[in-house]
PDB file of N, CA and C in Angstrom:
ATOM      1  N   UNK A   1      -6.921  15.039 -31.135  1.00  0.00           N
ATOM      2  CA  UNK A   1      -6.004  15.859 -30.428  1.00  0.00           C
ATOM      3  C   UNK A   1      -4.515  15.566 -30.909  1.00  0.00           C
ATOM      4  N   UNK A   2      -4.331  14.474 -31.560  1.00  0.00           N
ATOM      5  CA  UNK A   2      -2.953  14.113 -31.990  1.00  0.00           C
ATOM      6  C   UNK A   2      -2.402  15.147 -32.993  1.00  0.00           C
ATOM      7  N   UNK A   3      -3.295  15.872 -33.648  1.00  0.00           N
ATOM      8  CA  UNK A   3      -2.796  16.883 -34.591  1.00  0.00           C
ATOM      9  C   UNK A   3      -2.191  18.109 -33.879  1.00  0.00           C
ATOM     10  N   UNK A   4      -2.418  18.193 -32.579  1.00  0.00           N
ATOM     11  CA  UNK A   4      -1.811  19.316 -31.782  1.00  0.00           C
ATOM     12  C   UNK A   4      -0.425  19.000 -31.334  1.00  0.00           C
ATOM     13  N   UNK A   5      -0.004  17.779 -31.455  1.00  0.00           N
ATOM     14  CA  UNK A   5       1.321  17.363 -30.852  1.00  0.00           C
ATOM     15  C   UNK A   5       2.442  17.853 -31.735  1.00  0.00           C
ATOM     16  N   UNK A   6       3.394  18.459 -31.040  1.00  0.00           N
ATOM     17  CA  UNK A   6       4.651  18.898 -31.708  1.00  0.00           C
ATOM     18  C   UNK A   6       4.422  19.751 -32.957  1.00  0.00           C
ATOM     19  N   UNK A   7       3.760  20.823 -32.761  1.00  0.00           N
ATOM     20  CA  UNK A   7       3.525  21.814 -33.859  1.00  0.00           C
ATOM     21  C   UNK A   7       4.162  23.177 -33.442  1.00  0.00           C
ATOM     22  N   UNK A   8       4.808  23.797 -34.374  1.00  0.00           N
ATOM     23  CA  UNK A   8       5.406  25.082 -34.129  1.00  0.00           C
ATOM     24  C   UNK A   8       4.983  26.041 -35.271  1.00  0.00           C
ATOM     25  N   UNK A   9       4.563  27.242 -34.869  1.00  0.00           N
ATOM     26  CA  UNK A   9       4.281  28.265 -35.859  1.00  0.00           C
ATOM     27  C   UNK A   9       4.997  29.558 -35.457  1.00  0.00           C
ATOM     28  N   UNK A  10       5.797  30.113 -36.295  1.00  0.00           N
ATOM     29  CA  UNK A  10       6.542  31.343 -36.029  1.00  0.00           C
ATOM     30  C   UNK A  10       6.439  32.309 -37.198  1.00  0.00           C
ATOM     31  N   UNK A  11       6.486  33.558 -36.814  1.00  0.00           N
ATOM     32  CA  UNK A  11       6.698  34.624 -37.835  1.00  0.00           C
ATOM     33  C   UNK A  11       7.918  35.414 -37.379  1.00  0.00           C
ATOM     34  N   UNK A  12       8.893  35.492 -38.282  1.00  0.00           N
ATOM     35  CA  UNK A  12      10.113  36.247 -37.950  1.00  0.00           C
ATOM     36  C   UNK A  12      10.884  36.613 -39.225  1.00  0.00           C
ATOM     37  N   UNK A  13      12.091  37.079 -38.973  1.00  0.00           N
ATOM     38  CA  UNK A  13      12.929  37.498 -40.053  1.00  0.00           C
ATOM     39  C   UNK A  13      14.201  36.612 -40.230  1.00  0.00           C
ATOM     40  N   UNK A  14      14.495  36.260 -41.449  1.00  0.00           N
ATOM     41  CA  UNK A  14      15.682  35.467 -41.665  1.00  0.00           C
ATOM     42  C   UNK A  14      16.941  36.213 -41.266  1.00  0.00           C
ATOM     43  N   UNK A  15      17.813  35.616 -40.518  1.00  0.00           N
ATOM     44  CA  UNK A  15      19.021  36.249 -40.035  1.00  0.00           C
ATOM     45  C   UNK A  15      20.162  36.265 -41.044  1.00  0.00           C
ATOM     46  N   UNK A  16      20.067  35.411 -42.001  1.00  0.00           N
ATOM     47  CA  UNK A  16      21.061  35.363 -43.114  1.00  0.00           C
ATOM     48  C   UNK A  16      20.476  34.562 -44.286  1.00  0.00           C
ATOM     49  N   UNK A  17      21.143  34.604 -45.399  1.00  0.00           N
ATOM     50  CA  UNK A  17      20.696  33.867 -46.509  1.00  0.00           C
ATOM     51  C   UNK A  17      20.760  32.371 -46.160  1.00  0.00           C
ATOM     52  N   UNK A  18      19.853  31.609 -46.699  1.00  0.00           N
ATOM     53  CA  UNK A  18      19.673  30.231 -46.343  1.00  0.00           C
ATOM     54  C   UNK A  18      20.832  29.388 -46.972  1.00  0.00           C
ATOM     55  N   UNK A  19      21.214  28.301 -46.296  1.00  0.00           N
ATOM     56  CA  UNK A  19      22.268  27.414 -46.792  1.00  0.00           C
ATOM     57  C   UNK A  19      21.573  26.249 -47.452  1.00  0.00           C
ATOM     58  N   UNK A  20      21.707  26.085 -48.753  1.00  0.00           N
ATOM     59  CA  UNK A  20      21.047  25.048 -49.552  1.00  0.00           C
ATOM     60  C   UNK A  20      22.043  23.989 -49.920  1.00  0.00           C
ATOM     61  N   UNK A  21      21.665  22.721 -49.815  1.00  0.00           N
ATOM     62  CA  UNK A  21      22.544  21.607 -50.163  1.00  0.00           C
ATOM     63  C   UNK A  21      21.720  20.585 -50.908  1.00  0.00           C
ATOM     64  N   UNK A  22      22.403  19.951 -51.903  1.00  0.00           N
ATOM     65  CA  UNK A  22      21.864  18.745 -52.609  1.00  0.00           C
ATOM     66  C   UNK A  22      22.844  17.653 -52.254  1.00  0.00           C
ATOM     67  N   UNK A  23      22.288  16.562 -51.704  1.00  0.00           N
ATOM     68  CA  UNK A  23      23.144  15.411 -51.352  1.00  0.00           C
ATOM     69  C   UNK A  23      23.288  14.450 -52.500  1.00  0.00           C
ATOM     70  N   UNK A  24      24.268  13.520 -52.434  1.00  0.00           N
ATOM     71  CA  UNK A  24      24.584  12.554 -53.485  1.00  0.00           C
ATOM     72  C   UNK A  24      23.366  11.789 -53.886  1.00  0.00           C
ATOM     73  N   UNK A  25      22.482  11.448 -52.944  1.00  0.00           N
ATOM     74  CA  UNK A  25      21.292  10.652 -53.209  1.00  0.00           C
ATOM     75  C   UNK A  25      20.125  11.487 -53.819  1.00  0.00           C
ATOM     76  N   UNK A  26      20.372  12.779 -54.030  1.00  0.00           N
ATOM     77  CA  UNK A  26      19.388  13.681 -54.598  1.00  0.00           C
ATOM     78  C   UNK A  26      18.548  14.394 -53.647  1.00  0.00           C
ATOM     79  N   UNK A  27      18.607  14.061 -52.366  1.00  0.00           N
ATOM     80  CA  UNK A  27      17.831  14.821 -51.360  1.00  0.00           C
ATOM     81  C   UNK A  27      18.353  16.268 -51.255  1.00  0.00           C
ATOM     82  N   UNK A  28      17.340  17.174 -51.066  1.00  0.00           N
ATOM     83  CA  UNK A  28      17.705  18.549 -50.946  1.00  0.00           C
ATOM     84  C   UNK A  28      17.375  19.063 -49.555  1.00  0.00           C
ATOM     85  N   UNK A  29      18.184  19.987 -49.036  1.00  0.00           N
ATOM     86  CA  UNK A  29      18.023  20.549 -47.668  1.00  0.00           C
ATOM     87  C   UNK A  29      18.382  21.948 -47.636  1.00  0.00           C
ATOM     88  N   UNK A  30      17.693  22.747 -46.840  1.00  0.00           N
ATOM     89  CA  UNK A  30      18.006  24.107 -46.580  1.00  0.00           C
ATOM     90  C   UNK A  30      18.011  24.357 -45.080  1.00  0.00           C
ATOM     91  N   UNK A  31      18.879  25.192 -44.596  1.00  0.00           N
ATOM     92  CA  UNK A  31      18.851  25.555 -43.170  1.00  0.00           C
ATOM     93  C   UNK A  31      19.282  27.005 -43.020  1.00  0.00           C
ATOM     94  N   UNK A  32      18.815  27.632 -41.929  1.00  0.00           N
ATOM     95  CA  UNK A  32      19.200  28.959 -41.588  1.00  0.00           C
ATOM     96  C   UNK A  32      18.472  29.419 -40.344  1.00  0.00           C
ATOM     97  N   UNK A  33      18.896  30.578 -39.839  1.00  0.00           N
ATOM     98  CA  UNK A  33      18.306  31.142 -38.649  1.00  0.00           C
ATOM     99  C   UNK A  33      17.135  32.096 -38.857  1.00  0.00           C
ATOM    100  N   UNK A  34      16.172  32.143 -37.967  1.00  0.00           N
ATOM    101  CA  UNK A  34      15.096  33.075 -37.994  1.00  0.00           C
ATOM    102  C   UNK A  34      15.010  33.725 -36.613  1.00  0.00           C
ATOM    103  N   UNK A  35      14.743  35.047 -36.632  1.00  0.00           N
ATOM    104  CA  UNK A  35      14.634  35.826 -35.382  1.00  0.00           C
ATOM    105  C   UNK A  35      13.211  36.185 -35.184  1.00  0.00           C
ATOM    106  N   UNK A  36      12.720  35.957 -33.987  1.00  0.00           N
ATOM    107  CA  UNK A  36      11.358  36.389 -33.612  1.00  0.00           C
ATOM    108  C   UNK A  36      11.539  37.480 -32.552  1.00  0.00           C
ATOM    109  N   UNK A  37      10.649  38.506 -32.584  1.00  0.00           N
ATOM    110  CA  UNK A  37      10.802  39.618 -31.658  1.00  0.00           C
ATOM    111  C   UNK A  37       9.507  39.737 -30.838  1.00  0.00           C
ATOM    112  N   UNK A  38       9.634  39.957 -29.539  1.00  0.00           N
ATOM    113  CA  UNK A  38       8.566  40.333 -28.656  1.00  0.00           C
ATOM    114  C   UNK A  38       8.809  41.675 -28.044  1.00  0.00           C
ATOM    115  N   UNK A  39       7.758  42.434 -27.854  1.00  0.00           N
ATOM    116  CA  UNK A  39       7.942  43.748 -27.276  1.00  0.00           C
ATOM    117  C   UNK A  39       7.038  43.860 -25.979  1.00  0.00           C
ATOM    118  N   UNK A  40       7.607  44.534 -24.976  1.00  0.00           N
ATOM    119  CA  UNK A  40       6.923  44.793 -23.781  1.00  0.00           C
ATOM    120  C   UNK A  40       7.430  46.081 -23.119  1.00  0.00           C
ATOM    121  N   UNK A  41       6.738  46.559 -22.164  1.00  0.00           N
ATOM    122  CA  UNK A  41       7.151  47.736 -21.391  1.00  0.00           C
ATOM    123  C   UNK A  41       7.686  47.300 -20.041  1.00  0.00           C
ATOM    124  N   UNK A  42       8.869  47.784 -19.707  1.00  0.00           N
ATOM    125  CA  UNK A  42       9.409  47.494 -18.334  1.00  0.00           C
ATOM    126  C   UNK A  42       8.734  48.325 -17.295  1.00  0.00           C
ATOM    127  N   UNK A  43       9.197  48.162 -16.071  1.00  0.00           N
ATOM    128  CA  UNK A  43       8.531  48.919 -14.975  1.00  0.00           C
ATOM    129  C   UNK A  43       8.762  50.444 -15.003  1.00  0.00           C
ATOM    130  N   UNK A  44       9.698  50.888 -15.894  1.00  0.00           N
ATOM    131  CA  UNK A  44       9.886  52.282 -16.105  1.00  0.00           C
ATOM    132  C   UNK A  44       9.123  52.850 -17.287  1.00  0.00           C
ATOM    133  N   UNK A  45       8.314  51.960 -17.898  1.00  0.00           N
ATOM    134  CA  UNK A  45       7.499  52.346 -19.071  1.00  0.00           C
ATOM    135  C   UNK A  45       8.275  52.377 -20.362  1.00  0.00           C
ATOM    136  N   UNK A  46       9.518  51.879 -20.370  1.00  0.00           N
ATOM    137  CA  UNK A  46      10.295  51.852 -21.631  1.00  0.00           C
ATOM    138  C   UNK A  46       9.942  50.640 -22.438  1.00  0.00           C
ATOM    139  N   UNK A  47       9.844  50.819 -23.738  1.00  0.00           N
ATOM    140  CA  UNK A  47       9.571  49.713 -24.629  1.00  0.00           C
ATOM    141  C   UNK A  47      10.834  48.908 -24.842  1.00  0.00           C
ATOM    142  N   UNK A  48      10.704  47.543 -24.513  1.00  0.00           N
ATOM    143  CA  UNK A  48      11.825  46.640 -24.629  1.00  0.00           C
ATOM    144  C   UNK A  48      11.492  45.590 -25.689  1.00  0.00           C
ATOM    145  N   UNK A  49      12.564  45.356 -26.549  1.00  0.00           N
ATOM    146  CA  UNK A  49      12.439  44.327 -27.570  1.00  0.00           C
ATOM    147  C   UNK A  49      13.276  43.109 -27.140  1.00  0.00           C
ATOM    148  N   UNK A  50      12.673  41.965 -27.154  1.00  0.00           N
ATOM    149  CA  UNK A  50      13.404  40.724 -26.870  1.00  0.00           C
ATOM    150  C   UNK A  50      13.393  39.843 -28.077  1.00  0.00           C
ATOM    151  N   UNK A  51      14.634  39.478 -28.557  1.00  0.00           N
ATOM    152  CA  UNK A  51      14.797  38.726 -29.753  1.00  0.00           C
ATOM    153  C   UNK A  51      15.204  37.276 -29.422  1.00  0.00           C
ATOM    154  N   UNK A  52      14.546  36.299 -29.977  1.00  0.00           N
ATOM    155  CA  UNK A  52      14.826  34.883 -29.858  1.00  0.00           C
ATOM    156  C   UNK A  52      15.293  34.405 -31.243  1.00  0.00           C
ATOM    157  N   UNK A  53      16.347  33.581 -31.287  1.00  0.00           N
ATOM    158  CA  UNK A  53      16.803  32.978 -32.515  1.00  0.00           C
ATOM    159  C   UNK A  53      16.424  31.489 -32.571  1.00  0.00           C
ATOM    160  N   UNK A  54      16.017  31.058 -33.724  1.00  0.00           N
ATOM    161  CA  UNK A  54      15.577  29.684 -33.941  1.00  0.00           C
ATOM    162  C   UNK A  54      16.288  29.130 -35.212  1.00  0.00           C
ATOM    163  N   UNK A  55      16.569  27.842 -35.168  1.00  0.00           N
ATOM    164  CA  UNK A  55      17.182  27.200 -36.335  1.00  0.00           C
ATOM    165  C   UNK A  55      16.191  26.532 -37.213  1.00  0.00           C
ATOM    166  N   UNK A  56      16.079  26.871 -38.502  1.00  0.00           N
ATOM    167  CA  UNK A  56      15.159  26.264 -39.421  1.00  0.00           C
ATOM    168  C   UNK A  56      15.876  25.231 -40.278  1.00  0.00           C
ATOM    169  N   UNK A  57      15.167  24.174 -40.628  1.00  0.00           N
ATOM    170  CA  UNK A  57      15.635  23.219 -41.632  1.00  0.00           C
ATOM    171  C   UNK A  57      14.449  22.719 -42.407  1.00  0.00           C
ATOM    172  N   UNK A  58      14.600  22.576 -43.704  1.00  0.00           N
ATOM    173  CA  UNK A  58      13.546  22.085 -44.566  1.00  0.00           C
ATOM    174  C   UNK A  58      14.163  21.108 -45.595  1.00  0.00           C
ATOM    175  N   UNK A  59      13.337  20.203 -46.061  1.00  0.00           N
ATOM    176  CA  UNK A  59      13.790  19.144 -46.977  1.00  0.00           C
ATOM    177  C   UNK A  59      12.931  19.187 -48.248  1.00  0.00           C
ATOM    178  N   UNK A  60      13.492  18.591 -49.333  1.00  0.00           N
ATOM    179  CA  UNK A  60      12.778  18.330 -50.582  1.00  0.00           C
ATOM    180  C   UNK A  60      12.317  19.598 -51.242  1.00  0.00           C
ATOM    181  N   UNK A  61      11.082  19.552 -51.732  1.00  0.00           N
ATOM    182  CA  UNK A  61      10.506  20.691 -52.462  1.00  0.00           C
ATOM    183  C   UNK A  61      10.364  21.919 -51.625  1.00  0.00           C
ATOM    184  N   UNK A  62      10.053  21.797 -50.309  1.00  0.00           N
ATOM    185  CA  UNK A  62       9.979  22.896 -49.449  1.00  0.00           C
ATOM    186  C   UNK A  62      11.343  23.609 -49.352  1.00  0.00           C
ATOM    187  N   UNK A  63      12.444  22.862 -49.315  1.00  0.00           N
ATOM    188  CA  UNK A  63      13.799  23.417 -49.307  1.00  0.00           C
ATOM    189  C   UNK A  63      14.022  24.157 -50.588  1.00  0.00           C
ATOM    190  N   UNK A  64      13.685  23.607 -51.684  1.00  0.00           N
ATOM    191  CA  UNK A  64      13.927  24.270 -52.970  1.00  0.00           C
ATOM    192  C   UNK A  64      13.184  25.621 -53.064  1.00  0.00           C
ATOM    193  N   UNK A  65      11.935  25.562 -52.655  1.00  0.00           N
ATOM    194  CA  UNK A  65      11.101  26.803 -52.673  1.00  0.00           C
ATOM    195  C   UNK A  65      11.633  27.845 -51.733  1.00  0.00           C
ATOM    196  N   UNK A  66      11.968  27.481 -50.529  1.00  0.00           N
ATOM    197  CA  UNK A  66      12.552  28.381 -49.629  1.00  0.00           C
ATOM    198  C   UNK A  66      13.864  29.035 -50.122  1.00  0.00           C
ATOM    199  N   UNK A  67      14.684  28.253 -50.756  1.00  0.00           N
ATOM    200  CA  UNK A  67      15.985  28.685 -51.261  1.00  0.00           C
ATOM    201  C   UNK A  67      15.722  29.710 -52.421  1.00  0.00           C
ATOM    202  N   UNK A  68      14.726  29.430 -53.226  1.00  0.00           N
ATOM    203  CA  UNK A  68      14.500  30.321 -54.426  1.00  0.00           C
ATOM    204  C   UNK A  68      13.697  31.567 -54.089  1.00  0.00           C
ATOM    205  N   UNK A  69      12.918  31.558 -52.974  1.00  0.00           N
ATOM    206  CA  UNK A  69      12.043  32.692 -52.700  1.00  0.00           C
ATOM    207  C   UNK A  69      12.491  33.561 -51.517  1.00  0.00           C
ATOM    208  N   UNK A  70      13.353  33.089 -50.657  1.00  0.00           N
ATOM    209  CA  UNK A  70      13.662  33.823 -49.416  1.00  0.00           C
ATOM    210  C   UNK A  70      15.170  34.291 -49.440  1.00  0.00           C
ATOM    211  N   UNK A  71      15.407  35.436 -48.771  1.00  0.00           N
ATOM    212  CA  UNK A  71      16.712  35.937 -48.608  1.00  0.00           C
ATOM    213  C   UNK A  71      16.840  36.612 -47.205  1.00  0.00           C
ATOM    214  N   UNK A  72      18.023  36.891 -46.783  1.00  0.00           N
ATOM    215  CA  UNK A  72      18.286  37.508 -45.506  1.00  0.00           C
ATOM    216  C   UNK A  72      17.365  38.730 -45.274  1.00  0.00           C
ATOM    217  N   UNK A  73      16.797  38.841 -44.152  1.00  0.00           N
ATOM    218  CA  UNK A  73      15.939  39.947 -43.801  1.00  0.00           C
ATOM    219  C   UNK A  73      14.468  39.722 -44.102  1.00  0.00           C
ATOM    220  N   UNK A  74      14.131  38.810 -44.968  1.00  0.00           N
ATOM    221  CA  UNK A  74      12.766  38.554 -45.345  1.00  0.00           C
ATOM    222  C   UNK A  74      11.964  38.150 -44.115  1.00  0.00           C
ATOM    223  N   UNK A  75      10.698  38.643 -43.998  1.00  0.00           N
ATOM    224  CA  UNK A  75       9.806  38.208 -42.989  1.00  0.00           C
ATOM    225  C   UNK A  75       9.054  36.947 -43.547  1.00  0.00           C
ATOM    226  N   UNK A  76       9.006  35.911 -42.713  1.00  0.00           N
ATOM    227  CA  UNK A  76       8.476  34.632 -43.152  1.00  0.00           C
ATOM    228  C   UNK A  76       7.679  34.028 -42.004  1.00  0.00           C
ATOM    229  N   UNK A  77       6.531  33.434 -42.390  1.00  0.00           N
ATOM    230  CA  UNK A  77       5.788  32.573 -41.417  1.00  0.00           C
ATOM    231  C   UNK A  77       6.122  31.129 -41.708  1.00  0.00           C
ATOM    232  N   UNK A  78       6.432  30.349 -40.683  1.00  0.00           N
ATOM    233  CA  UNK A  78       6.746  28.916 -40.886  1.00  0.00           C
ATOM    234  C   UNK A  78       5.850  28.098 -39.981  1.00  0.00           C
ATOM    235  N   UNK A  79       5.620  26.884 -40.450  1.00  0.00           N
ATOM    236  CA  UNK A  79       4.878  25.916 -39.720  1.00  0.00           C
ATOM    237  C   UNK A  79       5.654  24.614 -39.764  1.00  0.00           C
ATOM    238  N   UNK A  80       5.886  23.930 -38.679  1.00  0.00           N
ATOM    239  CA  UNK A  80       6.592  22.729 -38.652  1.00  0.00           C
ATOM    240  C   UNK A  80       6.598  22.033 -37.326  1.00  0.00           C
ATOM    241  N   UNK A  81       7.680  21.349 -36.995  1.00  0.00           N
ATOM    242  CA  UNK A  81       7.757  20.655 -35.728  1.00  0.00           C
ATOM    243  C   UNK A  81       9.126  20.791 -35.127  1.00  0.00           C
ATOM    244  N   UNK A  82       9.246  20.695 -33.773  1.00  0.00           N
ATOM    245  CA  UNK A  82      10.525  20.737 -33.112  1.00  0.00           C
ATOM    246  C   UNK A  82      11.242  19.416 -33.190  1.00  0.00           C
ATOM    247  N   UNK A  83      12.545  19.469 -33.419  1.00  0.00           N
ATOM    248  CA  UNK A  83      13.418  18.262 -33.424  1.00  0.00           C
ATOM    249  C   UNK A  83      14.622  18.598 -32.594  1.00  0.00           C
ATOM    250  N   UNK A  84      15.003  17.730 -31.678  1.00  0.00           N
ATOM    251  CA  UNK A  84      16.181  17.899 -30.848  1.00  0.00           C
ATOM    252  C   UNK A  84      17.199  16.843 -31.359  1.00  0.00           C
ATOM    253  N   UNK A  85      18.404  17.195 -31.519  1.00  0.00           N
ATOM    254  CA  UNK A  85      19.413  16.180 -31.925  1.00  0.00           C
ATOM    255  C   UNK A  85      20.769  16.503 -31.273  1.00  0.00           C
ATOM    256  N   UNK A  86      21.586  15.442 -31.268  1.00  0.00           N
ATOM    257  CA  UNK A  86      22.927  15.521 -30.612  1.00  0.00           C
ATOM    258  C   UNK A  86      23.932  15.201 -31.746  1.00  0.00           C
ATOM    259  N   UNK A  87      25.086  15.871 -31.742  1.00  0.00           N
ATOM    260  CA  UNK A  87      26.154  15.540 -32.667  1.00  0.00           C
ATOM    261  C   UNK A  87      27.482  15.853 -31.979  1.00  0.00           C
ATOM    262  N   UNK A  88      28.553  15.377 -32.553  1.00  0.00           N
ATOM    263  CA  UNK A  88      29.903  15.633 -32.073  1.00  0.00           C
ATOM    264  C   UNK A  88      30.600  16.602 -32.974  1.00  0.00           C
ATOM    265  N   UNK A  89      31.197  17.671 -32.371  1.00  0.00           N
ATOM    266  CA  UNK A  89      31.969  18.620 -33.151  1.00  0.00           C
ATOM    267  C   UNK A  89      33.321  18.017 -33.585  1.00  0.00           C
ATOM    268  N   UNK A  90      34.131  18.812 -34.252  1.00  0.00           N
ATOM    269  CA  UNK A  90      35.438  18.295 -34.779  1.00  0.00           C
ATOM    270  C   UNK A  90      36.371  17.924 -33.682  1.00  0.00           C
ATOM    271  N   UNK A  91      36.106  18.411 -32.474  1.00  0.00           N
ATOM    272  CA  UNK A  91      36.998  18.084 -31.341  1.00  0.00           C
ATOM    273  C   UNK A  91      36.451  16.969 -30.480  1.00  0.00           C
ATOM    274  N   UNK A  92      35.373  16.333 -30.911  1.00  0.00           N
ATOM    275  CA  UNK A  92      34.756  15.222 -30.190  1.00  0.00           C
ATOM    276  C   UNK A  92      33.829  15.623 -29.080  1.00  0.00           C
ATOM    277  N   UNK A  93      33.496  16.895 -28.984  1.00  0.00           N
ATOM    278  CA  UNK A  93      32.564  17.394 -27.912  1.00  0.00           C
ATOM    279  C   UNK A  93      31.145  17.201 -28.346  1.00  0.00           C
ATOM    280  N   UNK A  94      30.300  16.733 -27.432  1.00  0.00           N
ATOM    281  CA  UNK A  94      28.902  16.552 -27.721  1.00  0.00           C
ATOM    282  C   UNK A  94      28.214  17.899 -27.763  1.00  0.00           C
ATOM    283  N   UNK A  95      27.417  18.139 -28.789  1.00  0.00           N
ATOM    284  CA  UNK A  95      26.693  19.384 -28.946  1.00  0.00           C
ATOM    285  C   UNK A  95      25.202  18.993 -29.182  1.00  0.00           C
ATOM    286  N   UNK A  96      24.336  19.861 -28.616  1.00  0.00           N
ATOM    287  CA  UNK A  96      22.905  19.589 -28.764  1.00  0.00           C
ATOM    288  C   UNK A  96      22.277  20.775 -29.482  1.00  0.00           C
ATOM    289  N   UNK A  97      21.295  20.512 -30.370  1.00  0.00           N
ATOM    290  CA  UNK A  97      20.666  21.534 -31.134  1.00  0.00           C
ATOM    291  C   UNK A  97      19.171  21.256 -31.287  1.00  0.00           C
ATOM    292  N   UNK A  98      18.418  22.338 -31.242  1.00  0.00           N
ATOM    293  CA  UNK A  98      16.955  22.203 -31.467  1.00  0.00           C
ATOM    294  C   UNK A  98      16.683  22.954 -32.754  1.00  0.00           C
ATOM    295  N   UNK A  99      15.934  22.271 -33.644  1.00  0.00           N
ATOM    296  CA  UNK A  99      15.605  22.794 -34.937  1.00  0.00           C
ATOM    297  C   UNK A  99      14.145  22.764 -35.180  1.00  0.00           C
ATOM    298  N   UNK A 100      13.664  23.658 -36.003  1.00  0.00           N
ATOM    299  CA  UNK A 100      12.277  23.590 -36.479  1.00  0.00           C
ATOM    300  C   UNK A 100      12.323  23.004 -37.884  1.00  0.00           C
ATOM    301  N   UNK A 101      11.706  21.822 -38.097  1.00  0.00           N
ATOM    302  CA  UNK A 101      11.640  21.212 -39.398  1.00  0.00           C
ATOM    303  C   UNK A 101      10.399  21.807 -40.081  1.00  0.00           C
ATOM    304  N   UNK A 102      10.627  22.583 -41.085  1.00  0.00           N
ATOM    305  CA  UNK A 102       9.554  23.356 -41.740  1.00  0.00           C
ATOM    306  C   UNK A 102       8.814  22.474 -42.747  1.00  0.00           C
ATOM    307  N   UNK A 103       7.500  22.493 -42.547  1.00  0.00           N
ATOM    308  CA  UNK A 103       6.616  21.765 -43.511  1.00  0.00           C
ATOM    309  C   UNK A 103       5.989  22.706 -44.525  1.00  0.00           C
ATOM    310  N   UNK A 104       5.672  23.946 -44.037  1.00  0.00           N
ATOM    311  CA  UNK A 104       5.035  24.981 -44.853  1.00  0.00           C
ATOM    312  C   UNK A 104       5.599  26.343 -44.487  1.00  0.00           C
ATOM    313  N   UNK A 105       5.612  27.238 -45.456  1.00  0.00           N
ATOM    314  CA  UNK A 105       6.041  28.638 -45.141  1.00  0.00           C
ATOM    315  C   UNK A 105       5.309  29.561 -46.058  1.00  0.00           C
ATOM    316  N   UNK A 106       5.259  30.812 -45.578  1.00  0.00           N
ATOM    317  CA  UNK A 106       4.682  31.913 -46.403  1.00  0.00           C
ATOM    318  C   UNK A 106       5.610  33.137 -46.243  1.00  0.00           C
ATOM    319  N   UNK A 107       6.054  33.665 -47.371  1.00  0.00           N
ATOM    320  CA  UNK A 107       6.784  34.858 -47.379  1.00  0.00           C
ATOM    321  C   UNK A 107       5.838  36.010 -47.136  1.00  0.00           C
ATOM    322  N   UNK A 108       6.104  36.752 -46.098  1.00  0.00           N
ATOM    323  CA  UNK A 108       5.221  37.857 -45.779  1.00  0.00           C
ATOM    324  C   UNK A 108       5.556  39.111 -46.596  1.00  0.00           C
ATOM    325  N   UNK A 109       4.539  39.833 -47.028  1.00  0.00           N
ATOM    326  CA  UNK A 109       4.773  41.114 -47.687  1.00  0.00           C
ATOM    327  C   UNK A 109       4.529  42.232 -46.710  1.00  0.00           C
ATOM    328  N   UNK A 110       4.905  43.444 -47.066  1.00  0.00           N
ATOM    329  CA  UNK A 110       4.683  44.541 -46.198  1.00  0.00           C
ATOM    330  C   UNK A 110       3.162  44.736 -45.934  1.00  0.00           C
ATOM    331  N   UNK A 111       2.342  44.464 -46.893  1.00  0.00           N
ATOM    332  CA  UNK A 111       0.893  44.577 -46.734  1.00  0.00           C
ATOM    333  C   UNK A 111       0.389  43.526 -45.717  1.00  0.00           C
ATOM    334  N   UNK A 112       0.989  42.329 -45.739  1.00  0.00           N
ATOM    335  CA  UNK A 112       0.574  41.243 -44.809  1.00  0.00           C
ATOM    336  C   UNK A 112       0.815  41.681 -43.322  1.00  0.00           C
ATOM    337  N   UNK A 113       1.890  42.416 -43.153  1.00  0.00           N
ATOM    338  CA  UNK A 113       2.271  42.774 -41.741  1.00  0.00           C
ATOM    339  C   UNK A 113       1.332  43.748 -41.077  1.00  0.00           C
ATOM    340  N   UNK A 114       0.501  44.434 -41.862  1.00  0.00           N
ATOM    341  CA  UNK A 114      -0.356  45.405 -41.260  1.00  0.00           C
ATOM    342  C   UNK A 114      -1.545  44.797 -40.517  1.00  0.00           C
TER     343      UNK A 114
END
């Protein structure tokens, strides 16, 4: 059962081009937003779309591949884990962020979506 702990799988669209960085020590990282959509009908029978935004981050070879293969608007399936972290902004205020650390991804094609 330990393999079920802290796993996330999402299919969504990239909200912008990914931000790729190479650090002085050679580590590579990419980050960017992904939007997931859910649809339902309200009590009037109208179709409603609800969009949730999630922060993606990937490291190493996964980061390189995501940077070279994905662009804004692409539909992508990601698998990873949730990470919560705290940092201070430039004004010294504490900020909290939740990210999905991506281990695997698949760029979806129009044929895959059917």
